[in-house]
């Protein structure tokens, strides 16, 4: 019985704390790799055993699901930014073309005015 009591008090002492597999305190960290952009995980300062921790906890599945959702959101945002950049480039080209046309028309009007002033 006493073994059960000491075990439960040990659990109470550790409740809320996550430990790495090397038994150091684990804290929430964030990965910025191409494979896992923005993914949060528990790891010690040495970041050892994080794959084991994810694989062996129910939070691992949830974190992978959240990670996939975040990754999809990031990819969608990236694609949207690329599309908007493409549209902006096309609009800039159109503006440049219209500006050239306007300048050409203004030059032609000036020539016509000069001609009218000479012969009228």
N, C-alpha and C. Protein backbone atom coordinates (compact mmCIF):
# COMPACT_ATOMS: atom_id res chain seq x y z
N UNK A 1 0.82 -1.19 0.00
CA UNK A 1 0.00 0.00 0.00
C UNK A 1 0.86 1.25 0.00
N UNK A 2 1.94 1.19 0.81
CA UNK A 2 2.78 2.37 0.88
C UNK A 2 3.42 2.66 -0.47
N UNK A 3 3.73 1.62 -1.23
CA UNK A 3 4.28 1.82 -2.57
C UNK A 3 3.30 2.57 -3.45
N UNK A 4 1.99 2.25 -3.32
CA UNK A 4 1.00 2.95 -4.11
C UNK A 4 0.95 4.42 -3.73
N UNK A 5 1.04 4.68 -2.43
CA UNK A 5 0.97 6.07 -1.97
C UNK A 5 2.15 6.89 -2.46
N UNK A 6 3.35 6.30 -2.38
CA UNK A 6 4.51 7.06 -2.82
C UNK A 6 4.47 7.27 -4.33
N UNK A 7 3.93 6.28 -5.05
CA UNK A 7 3.82 6.43 -6.50
C UNK A 7 2.85 7.53 -6.87
N UNK A 8 1.71 7.60 -6.15
CA UNK A 8 0.74 8.64 -6.48
C UNK A 8 1.27 10.02 -6.10
N UNK A 9 2.02 10.10 -4.98
CA UNK A 9 2.58 11.40 -4.63
C UNK A 9 3.65 11.80 -5.65
N UNK A 10 4.35 10.84 -6.18
CA UNK A 10 5.33 11.13 -7.21
C UNK A 10 4.62 11.68 -8.45
N UNK A 11 3.48 11.08 -8.78
CA UNK A 11 2.73 11.57 -9.94
C UNK A 11 2.24 12.99 -9.69
N UNK A 12 1.78 13.26 -8.46
CA UNK A 12 1.31 14.60 -8.15
C UNK A 12 2.45 15.62 -8.27
N UNK A 13 3.63 15.24 -7.83
CA UNK A 13 4.76 16.15 -7.92
C UNK A 13 5.10 16.45 -9.38
N UNK A 14 4.96 15.46 -10.25
CA UNK A 14 5.33 15.64 -11.65
C UNK A 14 4.17 16.11 -12.51
N UNK A 15 2.97 16.22 -11.92
CA UNK A 15 1.83 16.59 -12.75
C UNK A 15 2.05 17.97 -13.34
N UNK A 16 1.74 18.07 -14.63
CA UNK A 16 1.92 19.33 -15.33
C UNK A 16 3.30 19.50 -15.93
N UNK A 17 4.25 18.70 -15.50
CA UNK A 17 5.60 18.77 -16.06
C UNK A 17 5.76 17.69 -17.10
N UNK A 18 6.39 18.02 -18.18
CA UNK A 18 6.72 17.03 -19.20
C UNK A 18 8.21 16.77 -19.10
N UNK A 19 8.58 15.50 -19.16
CA UNK A 19 9.98 15.14 -19.11
C UNK A 19 10.39 14.53 -20.44
N UNK A 20 11.61 14.83 -20.84
CA UNK A 20 12.17 14.24 -22.03
C UNK A 20 12.54 12.79 -21.70
N UNK A 21 12.85 12.00 -22.70
CA UNK A 21 13.26 10.62 -22.44
C UNK A 21 14.59 10.55 -21.72
N UNK A 22 15.37 11.62 -21.77
CA UNK A 22 16.64 11.66 -21.03
C UNK A 22 16.40 12.13 -19.59
N UNK A 23 15.14 12.37 -19.23
CA UNK A 23 14.68 12.76 -17.90
C UNK A 23 14.92 14.23 -17.58
N UNK A 24 15.33 15.03 -18.53
CA UNK A 24 15.40 16.47 -18.32
C UNK A 24 14.02 17.07 -18.54
N UNK A 25 13.79 18.24 -17.95
CA UNK A 25 12.51 18.92 -18.18
C UNK A 25 12.37 19.25 -19.66
N UNK A 26 11.20 18.94 -20.18
CA UNK A 26 10.90 19.25 -21.58
C UNK A 26 10.05 20.50 -21.63
N UNK A 27 10.32 21.35 -22.58
CA UNK A 27 9.51 22.55 -22.77
C UNK A 27 8.99 22.57 -24.20
N UNK A 28 8.00 23.41 -24.42
CA UNK A 28 7.44 23.51 -25.77
C UNK A 28 8.41 24.27 -26.65
N UNK A 29 8.73 23.68 -27.77
CA UNK A 29 9.62 24.29 -28.76
C UNK A 29 8.88 24.35 -30.09
N UNK A 30 9.43 25.08 -31.03
CA UNK A 30 8.78 25.21 -32.33
C UNK A 30 9.79 24.93 -33.43
N UNK A 31 9.39 24.06 -34.36
CA UNK A 31 10.25 23.70 -35.49
C UNK A 31 9.95 24.59 -36.67
N UNK A 32 10.99 24.93 -37.43
CA UNK A 32 10.80 25.71 -38.65
C UNK A 32 11.50 25.03 -39.82
N UNK A 33 11.44 23.72 -39.85
CA UNK A 33 12.01 22.98 -40.97
C UNK A 33 11.00 22.96 -42.11
N UNK A 34 11.47 22.63 -43.31
CA UNK A 34 10.56 22.52 -44.45
C UNK A 34 9.51 21.46 -44.20
N UNK A 35 9.91 20.39 -43.53
CA UNK A 35 8.98 19.29 -43.28
C UNK A 35 7.94 19.65 -42.22
N UNK A 36 8.31 20.46 -41.24
CA UNK A 36 7.43 20.76 -40.11
C UNK A 36 7.39 22.25 -39.79
N UNK A 37 6.94 23.09 -40.70
CA UNK A 37 6.97 24.52 -40.40
C UNK A 37 5.98 24.90 -39.30
N UNK A 38 6.49 25.55 -38.27
CA UNK A 38 5.63 26.02 -37.20
C UNK A 38 5.18 24.96 -36.22
N UNK A 39 5.65 23.73 -36.37
CA UNK A 39 5.19 22.63 -35.50
C UNK A 39 5.75 22.81 -34.10
N UNK A 40 4.88 22.65 -33.11
CA UNK A 40 5.30 22.72 -31.71
C UNK A 40 5.50 21.30 -31.19
N UNK A 41 6.50 21.14 -30.34
CA UNK A 41 6.78 19.83 -29.76
C UNK A 41 7.46 20.04 -28.41
N UNK A 42 7.43 18.97 -27.60
CA UNK A 42 8.13 19.01 -26.32
C UNK A 42 9.54 18.50 -26.53
N UNK A 43 10.50 19.20 -25.95
CA UNK A 43 11.88 18.76 -26.03
C UNK A 43 12.72 19.43 -24.97
N UNK A 44 13.78 18.74 -24.57
CA UNK A 44 14.73 19.31 -23.62
C UNK A 44 15.69 20.22 -24.40
N UNK A 45 16.57 20.91 -23.69
CA UNK A 45 17.52 21.77 -24.41
C UNK A 45 18.36 21.01 -25.43
N UNK A 46 18.56 19.71 -25.18
CA UNK A 46 19.34 18.91 -26.14
C UNK A 46 18.45 18.37 -27.26
N UNK A 47 17.15 18.51 -27.13
CA UNK A 47 16.14 18.05 -28.10
C UNK A 47 16.35 16.58 -28.46
N UNK A 48 16.60 15.78 -27.46
CA UNK A 48 16.75 14.35 -27.71
C UNK A 48 15.41 13.66 -27.52
N UNK A 49 15.17 12.63 -28.25
CA UNK A 49 14.00 11.79 -28.06
C UNK A 49 12.68 12.41 -28.46
N UNK A 50 12.65 13.51 -29.20
CA UNK A 50 11.36 14.13 -29.51
C UNK A 50 10.51 13.26 -30.41
N UNK A 51 11.13 12.49 -31.30
CA UNK A 51 10.34 11.62 -32.16
C UNK A 51 9.69 10.51 -31.34
N UNK A 52 10.44 9.96 -30.40
CA UNK A 52 9.88 8.92 -29.53
C UNK A 52 8.72 9.49 -28.72
N UNK A 53 8.89 10.70 -28.20
CA UNK A 53 7.85 11.30 -27.37
C UNK A 53 6.58 11.49 -28.18
N UNK A 54 6.69 12.01 -29.39
CA UNK A 54 5.51 12.20 -30.22
C UNK A 54 4.87 10.87 -30.57
N UNK A 55 5.68 9.89 -30.88
CA UNK A 55 5.14 8.61 -31.31
C UNK A 55 4.47 7.87 -30.17
N UNK A 56 4.93 8.08 -28.95
CA UNK A 56 4.45 7.30 -27.82
C UNK A 56 3.40 8.00 -26.99
N UNK A 57 2.91 9.14 -27.41
CA UNK A 57 1.87 9.83 -26.64
C UNK A 57 0.64 10.03 -27.50
N UNK A 58 -0.49 10.13 -26.83
CA UNK A 58 -1.71 10.42 -27.59
C UNK A 58 -1.63 11.83 -28.16
N UNK A 59 -0.84 12.69 -27.52
CA UNK A 59 -0.65 14.04 -28.05
C UNK A 59 0.11 14.02 -29.36
N UNK A 60 0.88 12.95 -29.59
CA UNK A 60 1.63 12.84 -30.84
C UNK A 60 0.71 12.84 -32.04
N UNK A 61 -0.37 12.04 -31.97
CA UNK A 61 -1.33 11.99 -33.08
C UNK A 61 -2.00 13.34 -33.25
N UNK A 62 -2.43 13.93 -32.14
CA UNK A 62 -3.08 15.23 -32.22
C UNK A 62 -2.12 16.28 -32.77
N UNK A 63 -0.87 16.24 -32.32
CA UNK A 63 0.09 17.24 -32.80
C UNK A 63 0.35 17.06 -34.29
N UNK A 64 0.37 15.82 -34.77
CA UNK A 64 0.54 15.59 -36.22
C UNK A 64 -0.67 16.10 -36.99
N UNK A 65 -1.87 15.92 -36.43
CA UNK A 65 -3.08 16.41 -37.11
C UNK A 65 -3.07 17.94 -37.15
N UNK A 66 -2.71 18.56 -36.04
CA UNK A 66 -2.63 20.02 -36.00
C UNK A 66 -1.55 20.50 -36.96
N UNK A 67 -0.43 19.79 -36.95
CA UNK A 67 0.68 20.13 -37.84
C UNK A 67 0.23 20.08 -39.30
N UNK A 68 -0.48 19.04 -39.68
CA UNK A 68 -0.95 18.93 -41.06
C UNK A 68 -1.91 20.07 -41.40
N UNK A 69 -2.77 20.43 -40.47
CA UNK A 69 -3.68 21.54 -40.71
C UNK A 69 -2.93 22.86 -40.87
N UNK A 70 -1.94 23.08 -40.02
CA UNK A 70 -1.13 24.29 -40.11
C UNK A 70 -0.35 24.31 -41.42
N UNK A 71 0.19 23.16 -41.78
CA UNK A 71 0.96 23.09 -43.01
C UNK A 71 0.07 23.42 -44.20
N UNK A 72 -1.13 22.86 -44.22
CA UNK A 72 -2.06 23.15 -45.32
C UNK A 72 -2.40 24.64 -45.35
N UNK A 73 -2.62 25.22 -44.18
CA UNK A 73 -2.94 26.66 -44.13
C UNK A 73 -1.77 27.49 -44.64
N UNK A 74 -0.54 27.11 -44.26
CA UNK A 74 0.63 27.83 -44.74
C UNK A 74 0.80 27.68 -46.25
N UNK A 75 0.57 26.47 -46.76
CA UNK A 75 0.69 26.25 -48.21
C UNK A 75 -0.37 27.04 -48.97
N UNK A 76 -1.60 27.05 -48.44
CA UNK A 76 -2.66 27.82 -49.09
C UNK A 76 -2.34 29.31 -49.07
N UNK A 77 -1.82 29.80 -47.94
CA UNK A 77 -1.46 31.22 -47.86
C UNK A 77 -0.33 31.54 -48.83
N UNK A 78 0.65 30.63 -48.94
CA UNK A 78 1.75 30.84 -49.88
C UNK A 78 1.23 30.90 -51.31
N UNK A 79 0.33 29.98 -51.67
CA UNK A 79 -0.23 29.97 -53.02
C UNK A 79 -1.03 31.25 -53.29
N UNK A 80 -1.77 31.70 -52.30
CA UNK A 80 -2.56 32.93 -52.45
C UNK A 80 -1.64 34.14 -52.65
N UNK A 81 -0.55 34.18 -51.90
CA UNK A 81 0.41 35.27 -52.04
C UNK A 81 1.04 35.24 -53.43
N UNK A 82 1.38 34.06 -53.91
CA UNK A 82 1.96 33.94 -55.26
C UNK A 82 0.97 34.42 -56.31
N UNK A 83 -0.29 34.04 -56.17
CA UNK A 83 -1.31 34.46 -57.14
C UNK A 83 -1.49 35.97 -57.09
N UNK A 84 -1.54 36.54 -55.89
CA UNK A 84 -1.69 37.99 -55.77
C UNK A 84 -0.48 38.71 -56.35
N UNK A 85 0.70 38.15 -56.16
CA UNK A 85 1.91 38.75 -56.73
C UNK A 85 1.85 38.72 -58.25
N UNK A 86 1.35 37.63 -58.82
CA UNK A 86 1.21 37.51 -60.27
C UNK A 86 0.23 38.56 -60.79
N UNK A 87 -0.90 38.71 -60.11
CA UNK A 87 -1.90 39.71 -60.52
C UNK A 87 -1.32 41.12 -60.42
N UNK A 88 -0.60 41.40 -59.35
CA UNK A 88 0.02 42.72 -59.18
C UNK A 88 1.00 42.99 -60.32
N UNK A 89 1.79 41.99 -60.68
CA UNK A 89 2.75 42.16 -61.79
C UNK A 89 2.01 42.46 -63.09
N UNK A 90 0.92 41.75 -63.35
CA UNK A 90 0.14 42.01 -64.56
C UNK A 90 -0.45 43.42 -64.54
N UNK A 91 -0.95 43.85 -63.39
CA UNK A 91 -1.50 45.20 -63.27
C UNK A 91 -0.42 46.26 -63.49
N UNK A 92 0.77 46.02 -62.96
CA UNK A 92 1.88 46.96 -63.17
C UNK A 92 2.24 47.05 -64.65
N UNK A 93 2.23 45.91 -65.35
CA UNK A 93 2.51 45.93 -66.79
C UNK A 93 1.43 46.70 -67.53
N UNK A 94 0.18 46.50 -67.15
CA UNK A 94 -0.93 47.23 -67.79
C UNK A 94 -0.80 48.73 -67.54
N UNK A 95 -0.48 49.11 -66.32
CA UNK A 95 -0.30 50.53 -65.98
C UNK A 95 0.83 51.13 -66.81
N UNK A 96 1.94 50.39 -66.94
CA UNK A 96 3.07 50.90 -67.73
C UNK A 96 2.66 51.09 -69.19
N UNK A 97 1.92 50.13 -69.73
CA UNK A 97 1.46 50.23 -71.12
C UNK A 97 0.51 51.41 -71.31
N UNK A 98 -0.43 51.58 -70.39
CA UNK A 98 -1.38 52.69 -70.48
C UNK A 98 -0.68 54.04 -70.33
N UNK A 99 0.32 54.09 -69.47
CA UNK A 99 1.09 55.33 -69.29
C UNK A 99 1.80 55.71 -70.58
N UNK A 100 2.41 54.71 -71.24
CA UNK A 100 3.08 54.97 -72.53
C UNK A 100 2.08 55.46 -73.57
N UNK A 101 0.92 54.82 -73.61
CA UNK A 101 -0.12 55.24 -74.56
C UNK A 101 -0.57 56.67 -74.28
N UNK A 102 -0.76 57.01 -73.02
CA UNK A 102 -1.17 58.36 -72.65
C UNK A 102 -0.11 59.38 -73.07
N UNK A 103 1.15 59.07 -72.81
CA UNK A 103 2.24 59.98 -73.20
C UNK A 103 2.27 60.16 -74.72
N UNK A 104 2.08 59.07 -75.45
CA UNK A 104 2.06 59.14 -76.92
C UNK A 104 0.91 60.03 -77.40
N UNK A 105 -0.26 59.84 -76.81
CA UNK A 105 -1.43 60.64 -77.20
C UNK A 105 -1.20 62.11 -76.87
N UNK A 106 -0.62 62.39 -75.70
CA UNK A 106 -0.35 63.78 -75.32
C UNK A 106 0.66 64.42 -76.28
N UNK A 107 1.66 63.65 -76.70
CA UNK A 107 2.63 64.17 -77.68
C UNK A 107 1.95 64.47 -79.02
N UNK A 108 1.06 63.56 -79.45
CA UNK A 108 0.33 63.77 -80.71
C UNK A 108 -0.56 65.01 -80.62
N UNK A 109 -1.24 65.18 -79.48
CA UNK A 109 -2.10 66.35 -79.30
C UNK A 109 -1.27 67.64 -79.33
N UNK A 110 -0.10 67.59 -78.74
CA UNK A 110 0.77 68.76 -78.75
C UNK A 110 1.22 69.09 -80.17
N UNK A 111 1.53 68.07 -80.96
CA UNK A 111 1.91 68.29 -82.36
C UNK A 111 0.75 68.92 -83.13
N UNK A 112 -0.46 68.41 -82.91
CA UNK A 112 -1.64 68.95 -83.60
C UNK A 112 -1.85 70.41 -83.20
N UNK A 113 -1.73 70.72 -81.90
CA UNK A 113 -1.89 72.11 -81.43
C UNK A 113 -0.83 73.03 -82.06
N UNK A 114 0.41 72.56 -82.09
CA UNK A 114 1.48 73.35 -82.71
C UNK A 114 1.18 73.59 -84.20
N UNK A 115 0.71 72.58 -84.87
CA UNK A 115 0.38 72.70 -86.29
C UNK A 115 -0.75 73.71 -86.48
N UNK A 116 -1.78 73.61 -85.63
CA UNK A 116 -2.91 74.54 -85.72
C UNK A 116 -2.45 75.98 -85.46
N UNK A 117 -1.56 76.16 -84.51
CA UNK A 117 -1.06 77.51 -84.21
C UNK A 117 -0.25 78.08 -85.38
N UNK A 118 0.44 77.23 -86.11
CA UNK A 118 1.23 77.70 -87.25
C UNK A 118 0.35 78.09 -88.43
N UNK A 119 -0.71 77.36 -88.67
CA UNK A 119 -1.51 77.58 -89.88
C UNK A 119 -2.85 78.22 -89.61
N UNK A 120 -3.17 78.55 -88.46
CA UNK A 120 -4.46 79.18 -88.20
C UNK A 120 -4.30 80.63 -87.88
